[in-house]
Structure formats: structure tokens, C-alpha cells
Amino acid sequence: MDQYLEFAGAHPVLTTAAALIIAALIATEAKQLMRRWRELSPQELTRLVNDGALLLDLRGNDAHRAGHIAGAQPTALDTLDGAVAKAAKDTPVVAYCESGSDSAKAAERLVAAGFATVATLKGGLMSWRADNLPLAKG
């Protein structure tokens, strides 16, 4: 223990940086544990969609036409509330985008809107393509 204290005293910048990194990691993990939606693998997404989940493609219309997951509805993030307004709150909803960043924002909004089961595709459509899964065109 004395060696740790001696190191910390001799290297305050490194010690502070390490403490900040550890705090950031803890905060990130706590945030993931506290969120009320989950991330799905492509296989989990397939199962949930087969069971009747509403699938939302948050990418632009051109990207959607170029290739999307079968059954996905093109839905811009700024029109999300209107797109799901008629859906029953107990309907599972899965959102995906290209990389996963916009879908996290959508998931937060869907949870706030009262949907009981909300998920995103982990890694977005990039993970779907990485698994060589099919895309629908048009």
C-alpha cells in the first residue's frame, strides 16, 4: 500500500488521469444498467420481429431503399412520435440506424412515450451486414 501512495505522490497527473478513467467507466456501466431498453444482436432481433415487433429504420429514405431489414418501416428520427402514435404501447418496438447512435436516442424517446418493450440493434445495420444477413431493396 505504501508503494501505491508513494507512486501517487510522485505522479499526480497519472494518478488523476487513472481516477478519471475509472470514474468514466463506472458512470458508463451504471448508465447502461439503468436504461430501460436493451440492445439486441441480429439473431435476437430476428426472433423479436418474427414474434410481431414493430421495426423502425431510422436512416434516410435513400438508404432505406438501397437496403433495409425486411419488414422495417422507414422512420426519420424527427418524425418518430407520429410514426408510432397508433401503435399499441404493449407492442415491442425495435429501432435501428447505420451504427447505433441514432437508435439509442429513439429508444429513449420510445420509452418516454410509454412503450413497454423497446430495443435497438446493437451496432446498427453495420452489425447486420457483418453477419452477412439479407437486406430487402426498394
Protein backbone atom coordinates (compact mmCIF):
# COMPACT_ATOMS: atom_id res chain seq x y z
CA MET A 1 0.00 0.00 0.00
CA ASP A 2 2.87 2.33 0.78
CA GLN A 3 4.18 1.84 -2.74
CA TYR A 4 0.84 2.96 -4.20
CA LEU A 5 0.82 6.08 -2.09
CA GLU A 6 4.43 6.80 -2.99
CA PHE A 7 3.61 6.38 -6.70
CA ALA A 8 0.55 8.63 -6.40
CA GLY A 9 2.62 11.29 -4.69
CA ALA A 10 5.34 11.10 -7.32
CA HIS A 11 2.93 11.03 -10.30
CA PRO A 12 -0.16 13.14 -9.52
CA VAL A 13 -1.08 13.64 -13.19
CA LEU A 14 -1.09 9.90 -13.93
CA THR A 15 -2.99 9.16 -10.75
CA THR A 16 -5.62 11.80 -11.55
CA ALA A 17 -5.97 10.55 -15.12
CA ALA A 18 -6.41 6.96 -13.92
CA ALA A 19 -9.04 8.05 -11.39
CA LEU A 20 -10.96 9.96 -14.07
CA ILE A 21 -10.87 6.99 -16.46
CA ILE A 22 -12.13 4.66 -13.75
CA ALA A 23 -14.92 7.11 -12.84
CA ALA A 24 -15.92 7.40 -16.51
CA LEU A 25 -16.05 3.61 -16.88
CA ILE A 26 -18.20 3.26 -13.78
CA ALA A 27 -20.55 6.01 -14.97
CA THR A 28 -20.90 4.40 -18.41
CA GLU A 29 -21.65 0.98 -16.95
CA ALA A 30 -24.14 2.45 -14.47
CA LYS A 31 -25.92 4.29 -17.28
CA GLN A 32 -26.23 1.07 -19.29
CA LEU A 33 -27.61 -0.78 -16.29
CA MET A 34 -30.15 1.95 -15.58
CA ARG A 35 -31.57 2.34 -19.09
CA ARG A 36 -34.99 0.87 -19.75
CA TRP A 37 -34.28 -0.55 -23.19
CA ARG A 38 -31.88 -3.19 -24.41
CA GLU A 39 -29.57 -3.85 -27.32
CA LEU A 40 -30.22 -6.91 -29.46
CA SER A 41 -27.91 -9.00 -31.58
CA PRO A 42 -29.05 -9.57 -35.17
CA GLN A 43 -30.29 -13.04 -34.18
CA GLU A 44 -32.30 -11.70 -31.24
CA LEU A 45 -33.75 -9.01 -33.50
CA THR A 46 -34.89 -11.64 -36.00
CA ARG A 47 -36.69 -13.58 -33.28
CA LEU A 48 -38.43 -10.49 -31.90
CA VAL A 49 -39.54 -9.30 -35.35
CA ASN A 50 -40.86 -12.79 -36.14
CA ASP A 51 -42.93 -12.51 -32.96
CA GLY A 52 -44.57 -9.29 -34.21
CA ALA A 53 -42.30 -6.44 -33.13
CA LEU A 54 -42.52 -3.11 -34.91
CA LEU A 55 -39.21 -2.50 -36.70
CA LEU A 56 -38.15 1.09 -37.43
CA ASP A 57 -35.37 2.05 -39.86
CA LEU A 58 -34.12 5.47 -38.76
CA ARG A 59 -31.88 6.04 -41.77
CA GLY A 60 -32.89 8.30 -44.65
CA ASN A 61 -35.27 7.21 -47.40
CA ASP A 62 -32.45 6.75 -49.93
CA ALA A 63 -30.53 4.49 -47.55
CA HIS A 64 -33.72 2.56 -46.78
CA ARG A 65 -34.43 1.97 -50.48
CA ALA A 66 -30.83 0.86 -51.05
CA GLY A 67 -31.16 -1.91 -48.46
CA HIS A 68 -33.05 -2.50 -45.21
CA ILE A 69 -34.08 -5.30 -42.89
CA ALA A 70 -37.23 -6.94 -44.23
CA GLY A 71 -40.36 -5.52 -42.63
CA ALA A 72 -38.70 -2.31 -41.42
CA GLN A 73 -40.64 0.92 -41.69
CA PRO A 74 -38.62 3.96 -42.76
CA THR A 75 -38.97 6.47 -39.94
CA ALA A 76 -36.95 9.65 -39.58
CA LEU A 77 -35.89 10.42 -36.02
CA ASP A 78 -37.70 13.76 -36.11
CA THR A 79 -40.99 12.08 -37.12
CA LEU A 80 -40.70 9.19 -34.67
CA ASP A 81 -43.55 10.29 -32.40
CA GLY A 82 -46.05 10.45 -35.26
CA ALA A 83 -44.88 7.17 -36.75
CA VAL A 84 -45.59 5.20 -33.58
CA ALA A 85 -48.62 7.18 -32.38
CA LYS A 86 -51.10 4.49 -33.46
CA ALA A 87 -49.06 1.53 -32.19
CA ALA A 88 -50.21 -0.20 -29.02
CA LYS A 89 -47.95 0.55 -26.06
CA ASP A 90 -47.50 -3.17 -25.40
CA THR A 91 -46.17 -3.75 -28.94
CA PRO A 92 -42.42 -4.42 -28.87
CA VAL A 93 -40.56 -1.74 -30.84
CA VAL A 94 -37.06 -2.12 -32.27
CA ALA A 95 -35.20 0.79 -33.84
CA TYR A 96 -32.04 0.65 -35.89
CA CYS A 97 -29.83 3.09 -37.75
CA GLU A 98 -26.50 2.71 -39.54
CA SER A 99 -24.21 2.46 -36.50
CA GLY A 100 -26.43 2.50 -33.41
CA SER A 101 -26.13 6.12 -32.27
CA ASP A 102 -29.48 7.43 -33.54
CA SER A 103 -31.30 4.29 -32.42
CA ALA A 104 -30.25 4.94 -28.80
CA LYS A 105 -31.88 8.38 -29.00
CA ALA A 106 -35.01 6.84 -30.49
CA ALA A 107 -35.13 4.18 -27.78
CA GLU A 108 -35.09 6.84 -25.07
CA ARG A 109 -37.97 8.66 -26.77
CA LEU A 110 -39.96 5.43 -27.19
CA VAL A 111 -39.55 4.56 -23.51
CA ALA A 112 -40.63 8.10 -22.58
CA ALA A 113 -43.67 7.67 -24.85
CA GLY A 114 -44.75 4.68 -22.75
CA PHE A 115 -43.71 1.66 -24.81
CA ALA A 116 -43.13 -1.31 -22.54
CA THR A 117 -40.64 -3.24 -24.69
CA VAL A 118 -38.06 -1.16 -26.55
CA ALA A 119 -34.82 -2.34 -28.12
CA THR A 120 -32.16 -1.35 -30.60
CA LEU A 121 -29.95 -3.34 -32.96
CA LYS A 122 -26.53 -3.41 -31.34
CA GLY A 123 -24.06 -1.93 -33.79
CA GLY A 124 -26.84 -0.87 -36.14
CA LEU A 125 -27.15 -2.09 -39.69
CA MET A 126 -23.35 -2.43 -39.81
CA SER A 127 -23.60 -5.43 -37.45
CA TRP A 128 -26.41 -6.90 -39.60
CA ARG A 129 -24.19 -6.65 -42.68
CA ALA A 130 -21.18 -8.02 -40.77
CA ASP A 131 -23.20 -11.18 -40.09
CA ASN A 132 -23.98 -11.42 -43.84
CA LEU A 133 -27.72 -11.26 -43.21
CA PRO A 134 -30.06 -10.39 -46.08
CA LEU A 135 -31.31 -6.91 -46.91
CA ALA A 136 -34.51 -6.08 -48.75
CA LYS A 137 -34.34 -3.47 -51.53
CA GLY A 138 -36.88 -0.88 -52.55
